[in-house]
Amino acid sequence: MSFIDDFFSKKMRDVRSYRPFVKQVAELEDEVKKLSDEDFPKETARLRDELKNGGNIKKILPYCFALV
């Protein structure tokens, strides 16, 4: 296998590894669309507090990306 094949093979594995995360974010789309503009700062503060109180970043991160 050539260097280029190795490079693209690794890149494809990297891309595939993110698919479950992207799916989680996409599944939250409808929920986030229901939020008003006023809700975003509240959600940000809630998430910040959750992290400060020991929340798991891996569980919170998909929702954070969905908010963006």
C-alpha atoms as a PDB file:
ATOM      1  CA  MET A   1       0.000   0.000   0.000  1.00  0.00           C
ATOM      2  CA  SER A   2       1.349   3.427  -0.850  1.00  0.00           C
ATOM      3  CA  PHE A   3       1.645   6.387   1.466  1.00  0.00           C
ATOM      4  CA  ILE A   4      -1.388   8.030  -0.143  1.00  0.00           C
ATOM      5  CA  ASP A   5      -3.499   4.909   0.347  1.00  0.00           C
ATOM      6  CA  ASP A   6      -2.433   4.771   3.998  1.00  0.00           C
ATOM      7  CA  PHE A   7      -3.224   8.453   4.443  1.00  0.00           C
ATOM      8  CA  PHE A   8      -6.712   8.234   2.968  1.00  0.00           C
ATOM      9  CA  SER A   9      -7.447   4.984   4.742  1.00  0.00           C
ATOM     10  CA  LYS A  10      -6.660   6.606   8.111  1.00  0.00           C
ATOM     11  CA  LYS A  11      -8.686   9.694   7.212  1.00  0.00           C
ATOM     12  CA  MET A  12     -11.709   7.561   6.356  1.00  0.00           C
ATOM     13  CA  ARG A  13     -11.422   5.729   9.684  1.00  0.00           C
ATOM     14  CA  ASP A  14     -11.272   9.107  11.422  1.00  0.00           C
ATOM     15  CA  VAL A  15     -14.356  10.328   9.565  1.00  0.00           C
ATOM     16  CA  ARG A  16     -16.263   7.124  10.323  1.00  0.00           C
ATOM     17  CA  SER A  17     -15.418   7.415  14.006  1.00  0.00           C
ATOM     18  CA  TYR A  18     -17.347  10.714  14.182  1.00  0.00           C
ATOM     19  CA  ARG A  19     -20.544   9.379  12.598  1.00  0.00           C
ATOM     20  CA  PRO A  20     -22.209   8.325  15.885  1.00  0.00           C
ATOM     21  CA  PHE A  21     -21.536  11.763  17.363  1.00  0.00           C
ATOM     22  CA  VAL A  22     -22.905  13.554  14.300  1.00  0.00           C
ATOM     23  CA  LYS A  23     -25.990  11.331  14.449  1.00  0.00           C
ATOM     24  CA  GLN A  24     -26.560  12.286  18.109  1.00  0.00           C
ATOM     25  CA  VAL A  25     -26.325  15.983  17.232  1.00  0.00           C
ATOM     26  CA  ALA A  26     -28.726  15.588  14.295  1.00  0.00           C
ATOM     27  CA  GLU A  27     -31.253  13.769  16.489  1.00  0.00           C
ATOM     28  CA  LEU A  28     -31.388  16.815  18.773  1.00  0.00           C
ATOM     29  CA  GLU A  29     -32.227  19.194  15.922  1.00  0.00           C
ATOM     30  CA  ASP A  30     -36.011  19.170  16.394  1.00  0.00           C
ATOM     31  CA  GLU A  31     -35.684  19.731  20.137  1.00  0.00           C
ATOM     32  CA  VAL A  32     -33.337  22.684  19.683  1.00  0.00           C
ATOM     33  CA  LYS A  33     -35.469  24.228  16.914  1.00  0.00           C
ATOM     34  CA  LYS A  34     -38.284  24.641  19.437  1.00  0.00           C
ATOM     35  CA  LEU A  35     -36.163  26.948  21.600  1.00  0.00           C
ATOM     36  CA  SER A  36     -36.702  30.682  21.401  1.00  0.00           C
ATOM     37  CA  ASP A  37     -33.849  33.172  21.159  1.00  0.00           C
ATOM     38  CA  GLU A  38     -34.326  33.895  24.852  1.00  0.00           C
ATOM     39  CA  ASP A  39     -33.822  30.218  25.696  1.00  0.00           C
ATOM     40  CA  PHE A  40     -30.272  30.006  24.335  1.00  0.00           C
ATOM     41  CA  PRO A  41     -28.553  32.004  27.108  1.00  0.00           C
ATOM     42  CA  LYS A  42     -30.547  30.032  29.674  1.00  0.00           C
ATOM     43  CA  GLU A  43     -29.482  26.730  28.142  1.00  0.00           C
ATOM     44  CA  THR A  44     -25.873  27.889  27.998  1.00  0.00           C
ATOM     45  CA  ALA A  45     -25.955  28.809  31.687  1.00  0.00           C
ATOM     46  CA  ARG A  46     -27.622  25.500  32.551  1.00  0.00           C
ATOM     47  CA  LEU A  47     -24.992  23.516  30.678  1.00  0.00           C
ATOM     48  CA  ARG A  48     -22.184  25.533  32.255  1.00  0.00           C
ATOM     49  CA  ASP A  49     -23.616  24.851  35.716  1.00  0.00           C
ATOM     50  CA  GLU A  50     -24.012  21.180  34.919  1.00  0.00           C
ATOM     51  CA  LEU A  51     -20.335  20.948  33.973  1.00  0.00           C
ATOM     52  CA  LYS A  52     -19.243  22.862  37.065  1.00  0.00           C
ATOM     53  CA  ASN A  53     -21.205  20.392  39.183  1.00  0.00           C
ATOM     54  CA  GLY A  54     -19.426  17.385  37.725  1.00  0.00           C
ATOM     55  CA  GLY A  55     -21.494  16.719  34.625  1.00  0.00           C
ATOM     56  CA  ASN A  56     -20.002  14.464  31.976  1.00  0.00           C
ATOM     57  CA  ILE A  57     -18.758  16.514  29.005  1.00  0.00           C
ATOM     58  CA  LYS A  58     -19.236  13.557  26.638  1.00  0.00           C
ATOM     59  CA  LYS A  59     -22.936  13.430  27.516  1.00  0.00           C
ATOM     60  CA  ILE A  60     -23.392  17.202  27.258  1.00  0.00           C
ATOM     61  CA  LEU A  61     -21.347  17.858  24.120  1.00  0.00           C
ATOM     62  CA  PRO A  62     -23.881  16.670  21.494  1.00  0.00           C
ATOM     63  CA  TYR A  63     -26.484  19.052  22.916  1.00  0.00           C
ATOM     64  CA  CYS A  64     -23.921  21.877  22.935  1.00  0.00           C
ATOM     65  CA  PHE A  65     -23.207  21.293  19.248  1.00  0.00           C
ATOM     66  CA  ALA A  66     -26.924  21.109  18.483  1.00  0.00           C
ATOM     67  CA  LEU A  67     -27.400  24.517  20.106  1.00  0.00           C
ATOM     68  CA  VAL A  68     -24.783  25.983  17.806  1.00  0.00           C
END
